[in-house]
């Protein structure tokens, strides 16, 4: 009962920190846009000035570029510079909220909170002890909580890369209807005809803006390469190469080039669907077969050793817990691999 009470206090502390954030958010949001735009402008300005030394600049700003590339493909309302600042601020807010809430909650405990084997003694209170070093557990939980938004974004990024490889086929099909226009107009019109479910709608609008507002060819090539790298397929690279050639030499041969690309993508899509249909049983076995074997094995051991003995050996010994972690990790890895194989990217390989 006491543990539930302290968990409730922890949640209430989180709500207090969240309420304080809502109060100051309008004030911060006003300056955040200006700071984000200044940071993005300075980075691009330095990269244009250094020229050949641009690789050294990228190494210094690798974390910013990494987050910016992820948000470019994940965030539907991506804004250069601003989206990165917002993500960093939200991550910092999660860290501060969890740390302060945990620290305030532990400071209200009558003694020291000890964490033991959850299958044996669980969580215990040691009354009469000081709470020096009580910041360590809230700090650990805050670090774990702060990394969740990043890993969530990486997962969404991986999913959208796969969807983007298939959505590119719709982009190519629609683009062939507007090849009489300039390249930036082709991209804008194509983006307008895409549905909201298409993950390339936002990046395509940004690419169209790059084709209409670039100051030099290097800047255009970099932005175009960013689009193709986000999808990560050979078809995306071919699509970008056709657009760059059309921007430089004119759109006279763009229609035939896009139609050829469309035909190649359709053939590869049919090949992938055929292979997927033939290996569907193997993929399903990888997804659920290992889990079925694990359940049947555990049931057999419980029947042979009796449940009390099995649980004691599995959860109350170092060897049993080690084997459990290995088994769970193997199941997770096999599930991830099977999920990837269930829908590969639309590419030549």
C-alpha atoms as a PDB file:
ATOM      1  CA  UNK A   1       0.000   0.000   0.000  1.00  0.00           C
ATOM      2  CA  UNK A   2       2.853   2.356   0.861  1.00  0.00           C
ATOM      3  CA  UNK A   3       4.523   1.601  -2.460  1.00  0.00           C
ATOM      4  CA  UNK A   4       1.362   2.518  -4.373  1.00  0.00           C
ATOM      5  CA  UNK A   5       1.132   5.731  -2.379  1.00  0.00           C
ATOM      6  CA  UNK A   6       4.679   6.729  -3.312  1.00  0.00           C
ATOM      7  CA  UNK A   7       4.076   5.803  -6.956  1.00  0.00           C
ATOM      8  CA  UNK A   8       1.048   8.099  -6.871  1.00  0.00           C
ATOM      9  CA  UNK A   9       3.202  10.887  -5.430  1.00  0.00           C
ATOM     10  CA  UNK A  10       5.726  10.322  -8.221  1.00  0.00           C
ATOM     11  CA  UNK A  11       2.977  10.688 -10.832  1.00  0.00           C
ATOM     12  CA  UNK A  12       1.702  13.850  -9.138  1.00  0.00           C
ATOM     13  CA  UNK A  13       5.214  15.321  -9.168  1.00  0.00           C
ATOM     14  CA  UNK A  14       5.413  14.580 -12.889  1.00  0.00           C
ATOM     15  CA  UNK A  15       2.111  16.365 -13.424  1.00  0.00           C
ATOM     16  CA  UNK A  16       3.402  19.396 -11.512  1.00  0.00           C
ATOM     17  CA  UNK A  17       6.537  19.592 -13.668  1.00  0.00           C
ATOM     18  CA  UNK A  18       4.426  19.110 -16.805  1.00  0.00           C
ATOM     19  CA  UNK A  19       2.082  21.920 -15.706  1.00  0.00           C
ATOM     20  CA  UNK A  20       5.028  24.255 -15.127  1.00  0.00           C
ATOM     21  CA  UNK A  21       6.284  23.409 -18.629  1.00  0.00           C
ATOM     22  CA  UNK A  22       2.904  24.283 -20.135  1.00  0.00           C
ATOM     23  CA  UNK A  23       3.056  27.659 -18.412  1.00  0.00           C
ATOM     24  CA  UNK A  24       6.496  28.613 -19.733  1.00  0.00           C
ATOM     25  CA  UNK A  25       6.188  26.866 -23.127  1.00  0.00           C
ATOM     26  CA  UNK A  26       4.647  29.889 -24.964  1.00  0.00           C
ATOM     27  CA  UNK A  27       7.525  32.079 -23.785  1.00  0.00           C
ATOM     28  CA  UNK A  28      10.176  29.579 -24.864  1.00  0.00           C
ATOM     29  CA  UNK A  29       8.478  28.711 -28.166  1.00  0.00           C
ATOM     30  CA  UNK A  30       8.687  32.345 -29.214  1.00  0.00           C
ATOM     31  CA  UNK A  31      12.494  32.379 -29.010  1.00  0.00           C
ATOM     32  CA  UNK A  32      13.010  28.767 -30.043  1.00  0.00           C
ATOM     33  CA  UNK A  33      12.154  29.438 -33.679  1.00  0.00           C
ATOM     34  CA  UNK A  34      14.635  32.307 -33.878  1.00  0.00           C
ATOM     35  CA  UNK A  35      17.422  30.304 -32.237  1.00  0.00           C
ATOM     36  CA  UNK A  36      16.779  27.269 -34.461  1.00  0.00           C
ATOM     37  CA  UNK A  37      16.839  29.320 -37.641  1.00  0.00           C
ATOM     38  CA  UNK A  38      20.064  31.058 -36.573  1.00  0.00           C
ATOM     39  CA  UNK A  39      21.755  27.745 -35.752  1.00  0.00           C
ATOM     40  CA  UNK A  40      20.750  26.180 -39.081  1.00  0.00           C
ATOM     41  CA  UNK A  41      21.849  29.282 -41.008  1.00  0.00           C
ATOM     42  CA  UNK A  42      25.239  29.407 -39.285  1.00  0.00           C
ATOM     43  CA  UNK A  43      25.877  25.719 -39.915  1.00  0.00           C
ATOM     44  CA  UNK A  44      25.043  25.986 -43.619  1.00  0.00           C
ATOM     45  CA  UNK A  45      27.049  29.212 -43.886  1.00  0.00           C
ATOM     46  CA  UNK A  46      30.135  27.601 -42.320  1.00  0.00           C
ATOM     47  CA  UNK A  47      29.824  24.556 -44.568  1.00  0.00           C
ATOM     48  CA  UNK A  48      29.641  26.781 -47.663  1.00  0.00           C
ATOM     49  CA  UNK A  49      32.662  28.833 -46.549  1.00  0.00           C
ATOM     50  CA  UNK A  50      34.966  25.942 -45.626  1.00  0.00           C
ATOM     51  CA  UNK A  51      34.494  24.238 -48.971  1.00  0.00           C
ATOM     52  CA  UNK A  52      36.966  21.370 -49.036  1.00  0.00           C
ATOM     53  CA  UNK A  53      37.091  21.336 -45.252  1.00  0.00           C
ATOM     54  CA  UNK A  54      33.361  20.615 -45.087  1.00  0.00           C
ATOM     55  CA  UNK A  55      34.070  17.079 -43.839  1.00  0.00           C
ATOM     56  CA  UNK A  56      35.785  18.455 -40.722  1.00  0.00           C
ATOM     57  CA  UNK A  57      32.773  20.664 -40.045  1.00  0.00           C
ATOM     58  CA  UNK A  58      30.435  17.675 -40.368  1.00  0.00           C
ATOM     59  CA  UNK A  59      32.523  15.706 -37.883  1.00  0.00           C
ATOM     60  CA  UNK A  60      32.193  18.464 -35.308  1.00  0.00           C
ATOM     61  CA  UNK A  61      28.455  18.726 -35.853  1.00  0.00           C
ATOM     62  CA  UNK A  62      27.775  14.998 -36.270  1.00  0.00           C
ATOM     63  CA  UNK A  63      25.182  14.862 -33.491  1.00  0.00           C
ATOM     64  CA  UNK A  64      23.216  17.811 -34.856  1.00  0.00           C
ATOM     65  CA  UNK A  65      23.339  16.430 -38.409  1.00  0.00           C
ATOM     66  CA  UNK A  66      22.336  12.985 -37.177  1.00  0.00           C
ATOM     67  CA  UNK A  67      19.239  14.251 -35.353  1.00  0.00           C
ATOM     68  CA  UNK A  68      18.388  16.595 -38.215  1.00  0.00           C
ATOM     69  CA  UNK A  69      18.477  13.753 -40.768  1.00  0.00           C
ATOM     70  CA  UNK A  70      16.269  11.573 -38.584  1.00  0.00           C
ATOM     71  CA  UNK A  71      13.709  14.321 -38.003  1.00  0.00           C
ATOM     72  CA  UNK A  72      13.781  15.214 -41.704  1.00  0.00           C
ATOM     73  CA  UNK A  73      12.161  11.871 -42.486  1.00  0.00           C
ATOM     74  CA  UNK A  74      10.228  11.248 -39.250  1.00  0.00           C
ATOM     75  CA  UNK A  75       8.625  14.577 -38.364  1.00  0.00           C
ATOM     76  CA  UNK A  76       5.675  15.426 -40.602  1.00  0.00           C
ATOM     77  CA  UNK A  77       6.068  19.162 -39.894  1.00  0.00           C
ATOM     78  CA  UNK A  78       9.852  19.265 -40.143  1.00  0.00           C
ATOM     79  CA  UNK A  79      11.516  22.683 -40.037  1.00  0.00           C
ATOM     80  CA  UNK A  80      15.303  22.991 -40.532  1.00  0.00           C
ATOM     81  CA  UNK A  81      17.027  23.741 -37.249  1.00  0.00           C
ATOM     82  CA  UNK A  82      13.793  24.291 -35.327  1.00  0.00           C
ATOM     83  CA  UNK A  83      12.819  20.620 -35.203  1.00  0.00           C
ATOM     84  CA  UNK A  84      16.207  19.664 -33.722  1.00  0.00           C
ATOM     85  CA  UNK A  85      15.940  22.333 -31.033  1.00  0.00           C
ATOM     86  CA  UNK A  86      12.447  21.158 -30.150  1.00  0.00           C
ATOM     87  CA  UNK A  87      13.547  17.537 -29.909  1.00  0.00           C
ATOM     88  CA  UNK A  88      16.524  18.406 -27.695  1.00  0.00           C
ATOM     89  CA  UNK A  89      14.326  20.561 -25.468  1.00  0.00           C
ATOM     90  CA  UNK A  90      11.691  17.846 -25.102  1.00  0.00           C
ATOM     91  CA  UNK A  91      14.360  15.274 -24.286  1.00  0.00           C
ATOM     92  CA  UNK A  92      15.827  17.594 -21.663  1.00  0.00           C
ATOM     93  CA  UNK A  93      12.335  18.168 -20.261  1.00  0.00           C
ATOM     94  CA  UNK A  94      11.755  14.415 -19.889  1.00  0.00           C
ATOM     95  CA  UNK A  95      15.112  14.045 -18.115  1.00  0.00           C
ATOM     96  CA  UNK A  96      14.469  16.939 -15.721  1.00  0.00           C
ATOM     97  CA  UNK A  97      10.867  15.894 -15.008  1.00  0.00           C
ATOM     98  CA  UNK A  98      11.740  12.279 -14.181  1.00  0.00           C
ATOM     99  CA  UNK A  99      14.829  13.239 -12.170  1.00  0.00           C
ATOM    100  CA  UNK A 100      13.097  15.891 -10.063  1.00  0.00           C
ATOM    101  CA  UNK A 101       9.989  13.786  -9.545  1.00  0.00           C
ATOM    102  CA  UNK A 102      12.033  10.764  -8.485  1.00  0.00           C
ATOM    103  CA  UNK A 103      14.264  12.845  -6.209  1.00  0.00           C
ATOM    104  CA  UNK A 104      11.308  14.541  -4.523  1.00  0.00           C
ATOM    105  CA  UNK A 105       9.548  11.215  -4.062  1.00  0.00           C
ATOM    106  CA  UNK A 106      12.598   9.519  -2.533  1.00  0.00           C
ATOM    107  CA  UNK A 107      13.153  12.464  -0.197  1.00  0.00           C
ATOM    108  CA  UNK A 108       9.708  11.794   1.280  1.00  0.00           C
ATOM    109  CA  UNK A 109      10.518   8.174   2.124  1.00  0.00           C
ATOM    110  CA  UNK A 110      11.011   7.308   5.832  1.00  0.00           C
ATOM    111  CA  UNK A 111      14.332   5.618   5.075  1.00  0.00           C
ATOM    112  CA  UNK A 112      16.458   4.217   2.307  1.00  0.00           C
ATOM    113  CA  UNK A 113      14.875   2.295  -0.565  1.00  0.00           C
ATOM    114  CA  UNK A 114      16.705  -0.935  -1.392  1.00  0.00           C
ATOM    115  CA  UNK A 115      16.253  -2.915  -4.609  1.00  0.00           C
ATOM    116  CA  UNK A 116      16.918  -6.643  -4.422  1.00  0.00           C
ATOM    117  CA  UNK A 117      16.119  -9.635  -6.602  1.00  0.00           C
ATOM    118  CA  UNK A 118      12.499  -8.926  -7.671  1.00  0.00           C
ATOM    119  CA  UNK A 119      11.716 -12.658  -7.463  1.00  0.00           C
ATOM    120  CA  UNK A 120      12.987 -12.960  -3.879  1.00  0.00           C
ATOM    121  CA  UNK A 121      12.848  -9.932  -1.595  1.00  0.00           C
ATOM    122  CA  UNK A 122      11.761  -7.271  -4.056  1.00  0.00           C
ATOM    123  CA  UNK A 123      11.799  -3.655  -2.829  1.00  0.00           C
ATOM    124  CA  UNK A 124      12.399  -3.022   0.866  1.00  0.00           C
ATOM    125  CA  UNK A 125      12.618   0.001   3.151  1.00  0.00           C
ATOM    126  CA  UNK A 126      15.538   0.359   5.551  1.00  0.00           C
ATOM    127  CA  UNK A 127      14.318   2.731   8.231  1.00  0.00           C
ATOM    128  CA  UNK A 128      16.705   4.954  10.071  1.00  0.00           C
ATOM    129  CA  UNK A 129      19.212   5.254   7.232  1.00  0.00           C
ATOM    130  CA  UNK A 130      20.105   8.566   5.627  1.00  0.00           C
ATOM    131  CA  UNK A 131      19.200   9.241   1.999  1.00  0.00           C
ATOM    132  CA  UNK A 132      22.674  10.348   0.935  1.00  0.00           C
ATOM    133  CA  UNK A 133      23.215   9.321  -2.664  1.00  0.00           C
ATOM    134  CA  UNK A 134      19.468   9.108  -3.256  1.00  0.00           C
ATOM    135  CA  UNK A 135      20.007  11.031  -6.500  1.00  0.00           C
ATOM    136  CA  UNK A 136      21.582   8.012  -8.197  1.00  0.00           C
ATOM    137  CA  UNK A 137      18.425   6.004  -8.804  1.00  0.00           C
ATOM    138  CA  UNK A 138      16.390   9.047 -10.072  1.00  0.00           C
ATOM    139  CA  UNK A 139      19.343   9.942 -12.294  1.00  0.00           C
ATOM    140  CA  UNK A 140      19.442   6.411 -13.713  1.00  0.00           C
ATOM    141  CA  UNK A 141      15.689   6.432 -14.374  1.00  0.00           C
ATOM    142  CA  UNK A 142      15.928   9.902 -15.926  1.00  0.00           C
ATOM    143  CA  UNK A 143      18.651   8.764 -18.338  1.00  0.00           C
ATOM    144  CA  UNK A 144      16.590   5.724 -19.345  1.00  0.00           C
ATOM    145  CA  UNK A 145      13.469   7.852 -19.832  1.00  0.00           C
ATOM    146  CA  UNK A 146      15.350  10.481 -21.851  1.00  0.00           C
ATOM    147  CA  UNK A 147      16.627   7.881 -24.319  1.00  0.00           C
ATOM    148  CA  UNK A 148      13.136   6.552 -25.065  1.00  0.00           C
ATOM    149  CA  UNK A 149      12.199   9.420 -27.484  1.00  0.00           C
ATOM    150  CA  UNK A 150      15.405   8.837 -29.456  1.00  0.00           C
ATOM    151  CA  UNK A 151      14.929   5.072 -29.794  1.00  0.00           C
ATOM    152  CA  UNK A 152      11.281   5.627 -30.683  1.00  0.00           C
ATOM    153  CA  UNK A 153      12.381   8.024 -33.411  1.00  0.00           C
ATOM    154  CA  UNK A 154      14.923   5.497 -34.724  1.00  0.00           C
ATOM    155  CA  UNK A 155      12.235   2.818 -34.894  1.00  0.00           C
ATOM    156  CA  UNK A 156       9.844   5.116 -36.787  1.00  0.00           C
ATOM    157  CA  UNK A 157      12.712   6.127 -39.097  1.00  0.00           C
ATOM    158  CA  UNK A 158      13.430   2.480 -39.966  1.00  0.00           C
ATOM    159  CA  UNK A 159       9.754   1.835 -40.655  1.00  0.00           C
ATOM    160  CA  UNK A 160       9.373   4.925 -42.820  1.00  0.00           C
ATOM    161  CA  UNK A 161      12.452   3.990 -44.879  1.00  0.00           C
ATOM    162  CA  UNK A 162      10.716   0.761 -45.884  1.00  0.00           C
ATOM    163  CA  UNK A 163       7.410   2.506 -46.594  1.00  0.00           C
ATOM    164  CA  UNK A 164       9.233   5.258 -48.450  1.00  0.00           C
ATOM    165  CA  UNK A 165      10.813   2.789 -50.882  1.00  0.00           C
ATOM    166  CA  UNK A 166       7.300   1.690 -51.945  1.00  0.00           C
ATOM    167  CA  UNK A 167       5.796   5.188 -51.810  1.00  0.00           C
ATOM    168  CA  UNK A 168       8.480   6.340 -54.253  1.00  0.00           C
ATOM    169  CA  UNK A 169       6.670   4.327 -56.914  1.00  0.00           C
ATOM    170  CA  UNK A 170       3.610   6.592 -56.522  1.00  0.00           C
ATOM    171  CA  UNK A 171       5.873   9.638 -56.717  1.00  0.00           C
ATOM    172  CA  UNK A 172       7.393   8.433 -60.000  1.00  0.00           C
ATOM    173  CA  UNK A 173       3.993   7.624 -61.486  1.00  0.00           C
ATOM    174  CA  UNK A 174       2.536  11.039 -60.673  1.00  0.00           C
ATOM    175  CA  UNK A 175       5.671  12.914 -61.738  1.00  0.00           C
ATOM    176  CA  UNK A 176       5.435  11.567 -65.284  1.00  0.00           C
ATOM    177  CA  UNK A 177       2.214  13.567 -65.746  1.00  0.00           C
ATOM    178  CA  UNK A 178       3.904  16.934 -65.135  1.00  0.00           C
ATOM    179  CA  UNK A 179       7.171  16.629 -67.042  1.00  0.00           C
ATOM    180  CA  UNK A 180       6.200  19.630 -69.188  1.00  0.00           C
ATOM    181  CA  UNK A 181       6.786  21.841 -66.130  1.00  0.00           C
ATOM    182  CA  UNK A 182      10.004  22.855 -64.413  1.00  0.00           C
ATOM    183  CA  UNK A 183      11.526  20.447 -61.882  1.00  0.00           C
ATOM    184  CA  UNK A 184      10.439  22.424 -58.808  1.00  0.00           C
ATOM    185  CA  UNK A 185       6.883  22.657 -60.183  1.00  0.00           C
ATOM    186  CA  UNK A 186       6.883  18.915 -60.890  1.00  0.00           C
ATOM    187  CA  UNK A 187       7.793  18.171 -57.279  1.00  0.00           C
ATOM    188  CA  UNK A 188       5.235  20.627 -55.883  1.00  0.00           C
ATOM    189  CA  UNK A 189       2.402  19.307 -58.035  1.00  0.00           C
ATOM    190  CA  UNK A 190       3.348  15.705 -57.268  1.00  0.00           C
ATOM    191  CA  UNK A 191       3.368  16.392 -53.523  1.00  0.00           C
ATOM    192  CA  UNK A 192      -0.092  17.951 -53.780  1.00  0.00           C
ATOM    193  CA  UNK A 193      -1.472  14.788 -55.389  1.00  0.00           C
ATOM    194  CA  UNK A 194       0.041  12.449 -52.793  1.00  0.00           C
ATOM    195  CA  UNK A 195      -2.125  11.201 -49.936  1.00  0.00           C
ATOM    196  CA  UNK A 196      -1.315  11.991 -46.313  1.00  0.00           C
ATOM    197  CA  UNK A 197      -0.344   8.347 -45.785  1.00  0.00           C
ATOM    198  CA  UNK A 198       2.553   8.728 -48.205  1.00  0.00           C
ATOM    199  CA  UNK A 199       5.675   9.269 -46.078  1.00  0.00           C
ATOM    200  CA  UNK A 200       7.427  11.151 -48.911  1.00  0.00           C
ATOM    201  CA  UNK A 201       4.925  13.996 -49.083  1.00  0.00           C
ATOM    202  CA  UNK A 202       6.772  16.254 -46.645  1.00  0.00           C
ATOM    203  CA  UNK A 203      10.322  15.521 -47.889  1.00  0.00           C
ATOM    204  CA  UNK A 204       9.114  15.990 -51.485  1.00  0.00           C
ATOM    205  CA  UNK A 205       7.851  19.487 -50.681  1.00  0.00           C
ATOM    206  CA  UNK A 206      11.190  20.326 -49.075  1.00  0.00           C
ATOM    207  CA  UNK A 207      12.978  18.980 -52.148  1.00  0.00           C
ATOM    208  CA  UNK A 208      10.791  21.139 -54.394  1.00  0.00           C
ATOM    209  CA  UNK A 209      11.661  24.188 -52.296  1.00  0.00           C
ATOM    210  CA  UNK A 210      15.352  23.313 -52.651  1.00  0.00           C
ATOM    211  CA  UNK A 211      15.078  23.163 -56.458  1.00  0.00           C
ATOM    212  CA  UNK A 212      13.377  26.556 -56.557  1.00  0.00           C
ATOM    213  CA  UNK A 213      15.566  28.418 -54.030  1.00  0.00           C
ATOM    214  CA  UNK A 214      19.109  27.009 -54.288  1.00  0.00           C
ATOM    215  CA  UNK A 215      21.979  29.473 -54.557  1.00  0.00           C
ATOM    216  CA  UNK A 216      24.586  27.133 -56.046  1.00  0.00           C
ATOM    217  CA  UNK A 217      24.756  23.654 -57.523  1.00  0.00           C
ATOM    218  CA  UNK A 218      26.563  22.201 -54.506  1.00  0.00           C
ATOM    219  CA  UNK A 219      23.717  23.190 -52.209  1.00  0.00           C
ATOM    220  CA  UNK A 220      21.170  21.591 -54.546  1.00  0.00           C
ATOM    221  CA  UNK A 221      23.150  18.351 -54.843  1.00  0.00           C
ATOM    222  CA  UNK A 222      23.449  18.118 -51.064  1.00  0.00           C
ATOM    223  CA  UNK A 223      19.714  18.586 -50.499  1.00  0.00           C
ATOM    224  CA  UNK A 224      18.880  16.116 -53.286  1.00  0.00           C
ATOM    225  CA  UNK A 225      21.299  13.592 -51.812  1.00  0.00           C
ATOM    226  CA  UNK A 226      19.611  14.021 -48.470  1.00  0.00           C
ATOM    227  CA  UNK A 227      16.304  12.956 -50.011  1.00  0.00           C
ATOM    228  CA  UNK A 228      17.778   9.869 -51.678  1.00  0.00           C
ATOM    229  CA  UNK A 229      19.745   8.879 -48.573  1.00  0.00           C
ATOM    230  CA  UNK A 230      16.589   9.081 -46.468  1.00  0.00           C
ATOM    231  CA  UNK A 231      14.979   6.401 -48.658  1.00  0.00           C
ATOM    232  CA  UNK A 232      18.231   4.515 -49.130  1.00  0.00           C
ATOM    233  CA  UNK A 233      17.485   2.657 -52.378  1.00  0.00           C
ATOM    234  CA  UNK A 234      18.995   2.558 -55.852  1.00  0.00           C
ATOM    235  CA  UNK A 235      15.657   3.662 -57.310  1.00  0.00           C
ATOM    236  CA  UNK A 236      15.721   6.809 -55.181  1.00  0.00           C
ATOM    237  CA  UNK A 237      19.228   7.578 -56.417  1.00  0.00           C
ATOM    238  CA  UNK A 238      18.093   7.130 -60.034  1.00  0.00           C
ATOM    239  CA  UNK A 239      15.098   9.376 -59.448  1.00  0.00           C
ATOM    240  CA  UNK A 240      17.277  12.125 -58.004  1.00  0.00           C
ATOM    241  CA  UNK A 241      19.815  11.758 -60.811  1.00  0.00           C
ATOM    242  CA  UNK A 242      17.055  12.220 -63.396  1.00  0.00           C
ATOM    243  CA  UNK A 243      15.823  15.350 -61.627  1.00  0.00           C
ATOM    244  CA  UNK A 244      19.308  16.869 -61.390  1.00  0.00           C
ATOM    245  CA  UNK A 245      19.955  16.162 -65.054  1.00  0.00           C
ATOM    246  CA  UNK A 246      16.608  17.701 -66.006  1.00  0.00           C
ATOM    247  CA  UNK A 247      17.367  20.783 -63.912  1.00  0.00           C
ATOM    248  CA  UNK A 248      20.671  21.236 -65.713  1.00  0.00           C
ATOM    249  CA  UNK A 249      19.794  20.198 -69.272  1.00  0.00           C
ATOM    250  CA  UNK A 250      16.014  20.624 -69.399  1.00  0.00           C
ATOM    251  CA  UNK A 251      13.030  18.290 -68.998  1.00  0.00           C
ATOM    252  CA  UNK A 252      12.951  17.111 -72.614  1.00  0.00           C
ATOM    253  CA  UNK A 253      13.934  13.499 -71.814  1.00  0.00           C
ATOM    254  CA  UNK A 254      12.588  13.408 -68.271  1.00  0.00           C
ATOM    255  CA  UNK A 255       9.281  11.732 -69.151  1.00  0.00           C
ATOM    256  CA  UNK A 256      10.875   8.751 -70.911  1.00  0.00           C
ATOM    257  CA  UNK A 257      13.435   8.382 -68.123  1.00  0.00           C
ATOM    258  CA  UNK A 258      10.766   8.365 -65.406  1.00  0.00           C
ATOM    259  CA  UNK A 259       8.628   5.898 -67.340  1.00  0.00           C
ATOM    260  CA  UNK A 260      11.608   3.555 -67.620  1.00  0.00           C
ATOM    261  CA  UNK A 261      12.208   3.923 -63.887  1.00  0.00           C
ATOM    262  CA  UNK A 262       8.542   3.235 -63.207  1.00  0.00           C
ATOM    263  CA  UNK A 263       8.697   0.040 -65.262  1.00  0.00           C
ATOM    264  CA  UNK A 264      11.781  -1.173 -63.398  1.00  0.00           C
ATOM    265  CA  UNK A 265      10.195  -0.485 -60.017  1.00  0.00           C
ATOM    266  CA  UNK A 266       7.001  -2.310 -60.996  1.00  0.00           C
ATOM    267  CA  UNK A 267       8.982  -5.373 -62.096  1.00  0.00           C
ATOM    268  CA  UNK A 268      11.009  -5.401 -58.902  1.00  0.00           C
ATOM    269  CA  UNK A 269       7.870  -5.003 -56.831  1.00  0.00           C
ATOM    270  CA  UNK A 270       6.306  -8.025 -58.503  1.00  0.00           C
ATOM    271  CA  UNK A 271       9.490 -10.015 -57.869  1.00  0.00           C
ATOM    272  CA  UNK A 272       9.472  -9.091 -54.174  1.00  0.00           C
ATOM    273  CA  UNK A 273       5.808 -10.038 -53.806  1.00  0.00           C
ATOM    274  CA  UNK A 274       6.453 -13.383 -55.488  1.00  0.00           C
ATOM    275  CA  UNK A 275       9.440 -14.183 -53.257  1.00  0.00           C
ATOM    276  CA  UNK A 276       7.547 -13.010 -50.186  1.00  0.00           C
ATOM    277  CA  UNK A 277       4.602 -15.285 -51.002  1.00  0.00           C
ATOM    278  CA  UNK A 278       6.956 -18.252 -51.335  1.00  0.00           C
ATOM    279  CA  UNK A 279       8.749 -17.598 -48.033  1.00  0.00           C
ATOM    280  CA  UNK A 280       5.711 -16.570 -45.993  1.00  0.00           C
ATOM    281  CA  UNK A 281       5.696 -19.816 -44.012  1.00  0.00           C
ATOM    282  CA  UNK A 282       9.375 -19.473 -43.096  1.00  0.00           C
ATOM    283  CA  UNK A 283       8.890 -15.868 -41.978  1.00  0.00           C
ATOM    284  CA  UNK A 284       5.878 -16.818 -39.850  1.00  0.00           C
ATOM    285  CA  UNK A 285       7.920 -19.634 -38.330  1.00  0.00           C
ATOM    286  CA  UNK A 286      10.626 -17.149 -37.384  1.00  0.00           C
ATOM    287  CA  UNK A 287       8.057 -14.842 -35.823  1.00  0.00           C
ATOM    288  CA  UNK A 288       6.102 -17.362 -33.777  1.00  0.00           C
ATOM    289  CA  UNK A 289       7.934 -20.698 -34.020  1.00  0.00           C
ATOM    290  CA  UNK A 290      10.612 -19.846 -31.453  1.00  0.00           C
ATOM    291  CA  UNK A 291       8.002 -18.568 -29.041  1.00  0.00           C
ATOM    292  CA  UNK A 292       5.996 -21.776 -29.413  1.00  0.00           C
ATOM    293  CA  UNK A 293       9.111 -23.889 -28.772  1.00  0.00           C
ATOM    294  CA  UNK A 294       9.932 -21.818 -25.671  1.00  0.00           C
ATOM    295  CA  UNK A 295       6.433 -22.219 -24.223  1.00  0.00           C
ATOM    296  CA  UNK A 296       6.393 -25.971 -24.852  1.00  0.00           C
ATOM    297  CA  UNK A 297       9.884 -26.385 -23.349  1.00  0.00           C
ATOM    298  CA  UNK A 298       8.962 -24.433 -20.218  1.00  0.00           C
ATOM    299  CA  UNK A 299       5.792 -26.449 -19.846  1.00  0.00           C
ATOM    300  CA  UNK A 300       7.746 -29.701 -20.122  1.00  0.00           C
ATOM    301  CA  UNK A 301      10.270 -28.679 -17.459  1.00  0.00           C
ATOM    302  CA  UNK A 302       7.504 -27.470 -15.144  1.00  0.00           C
ATOM    303  CA  UNK A 303       5.768 -30.830 -15.528  1.00  0.00           C
ATOM    304  CA  UNK A 304       8.957 -32.806 -14.839  1.00  0.00           C
ATOM    305  CA  UNK A 305      10.369 -30.660 -11.995  1.00  0.00           C
ATOM    306  CA  UNK A 306       7.125 -29.365 -10.486  1.00  0.00           C
ATOM    307  CA  UNK A 307       6.363 -25.599 -10.646  1.00  0.00           C
ATOM    308  CA  UNK A 308       7.949 -24.714  -7.279  1.00  0.00           C
ATOM    309  CA  UNK A 309      11.281 -26.301  -8.156  1.00  0.00           C
ATOM    310  CA  UNK A 310      11.276 -24.838 -11.677  1.00  0.00           C
ATOM    311  CA  UNK A 311      10.609 -21.267 -10.511  1.00  0.00           C
ATOM    312  CA  UNK A 312      13.270 -21.577  -7.851  1.00  0.00           C
ATOM    313  CA  UNK A 313      15.883 -22.761 -10.352  1.00  0.00           C
ATOM    314  CA  UNK A 314      14.854 -20.278 -13.051  1.00  0.00           C
ATOM    315  CA  UNK A 315      14.453 -17.069 -11.048  1.00  0.00           C
ATOM    316  CA  UNK A 316      16.390 -17.562  -7.830  1.00  0.00           C
ATOM    317  CA  UNK A 317      19.746 -18.653  -9.257  1.00  0.00           C
ATOM    318  CA  UNK A 318      22.337 -16.704 -11.226  1.00  0.00           C
ATOM    319  CA  UNK A 319      22.562 -19.363 -13.924  1.00  0.00           C
ATOM    320  CA  UNK A 320      18.789 -19.468 -14.365  1.00  0.00           C
ATOM    321  CA  UNK A 321      18.490 -15.685 -14.695  1.00  0.00           C
ATOM    322  CA  UNK A 322      21.437 -15.597 -17.124  1.00  0.00           C
ATOM    323  CA  UNK A 323      19.860 -18.224 -19.368  1.00  0.00           C
ATOM    324  CA  UNK A 324      16.545 -16.362 -19.195  1.00  0.00           C
ATOM    325  CA  UNK A 325      18.188 -13.144 -20.422  1.00  0.00           C
ATOM    326  CA  UNK A 326      19.907 -15.039 -23.271  1.00  0.00           C
ATOM    327  CA  UNK A 327      16.625 -16.651 -24.324  1.00  0.00           C
ATOM    328  CA  UNK A 328      14.660 -13.384 -24.215  1.00  0.00           C
ATOM    329  CA  UNK A 329      17.410 -11.571 -26.162  1.00  0.00           C
ATOM    330  CA  UNK A 330      17.443 -14.321 -28.798  1.00  0.00           C
ATOM    331  CA  UNK A 331      13.674 -14.143 -29.173  1.00  0.00           C
ATOM    332  CA  UNK A 332      13.832 -10.369 -29.606  1.00  0.00           C
ATOM    333  CA  UNK A 333      16.598 -10.575 -32.236  1.00  0.00           C
ATOM    334  CA  UNK A 334      14.775 -13.282 -34.186  1.00  0.00           C
ATOM    335  CA  UNK A 335      11.569 -11.260 -34.065  1.00  0.00           C
ATOM    336  CA  UNK A 336      13.351  -8.162 -35.404  1.00  0.00           C
ATOM    337  CA  UNK A 337      15.016 -10.121 -38.230  1.00  0.00           C
ATOM    338  CA  UNK A 338      11.742 -11.806 -39.188  1.00  0.00           C
ATOM    339  CA  UNK A 339       9.955  -8.456 -39.171  1.00  0.00           C
ATOM    340  CA  UNK A 340      12.574  -7.001 -41.531  1.00  0.00           C
ATOM    341  CA  UNK A 341      12.330  -9.985 -43.864  1.00  0.00           C
ATOM    342  CA  UNK A 342       8.522  -9.796 -43.819  1.00  0.00           C
ATOM    343  CA  UNK A 343       8.635  -6.588 -45.888  1.00  0.00           C
ATOM    344  CA  UNK A 344      11.985  -5.772 -47.504  1.00  0.00           C
ATOM    345  CA  UNK A 345      12.660  -2.427 -49.151  1.00  0.00           C
ATOM    346  CA  UNK A 346      11.739  -1.954 -52.789  1.00  0.00           C
ATOM    347  CA  UNK A 347      15.225  -2.098 -54.269  1.00  0.00           C
ATOM    348  CA  UNK A 348      17.355  -4.086 -56.692  1.00  0.00           C
ATOM    349  CA  UNK A 349      18.809  -6.247 -53.904  1.00  0.00           C
END
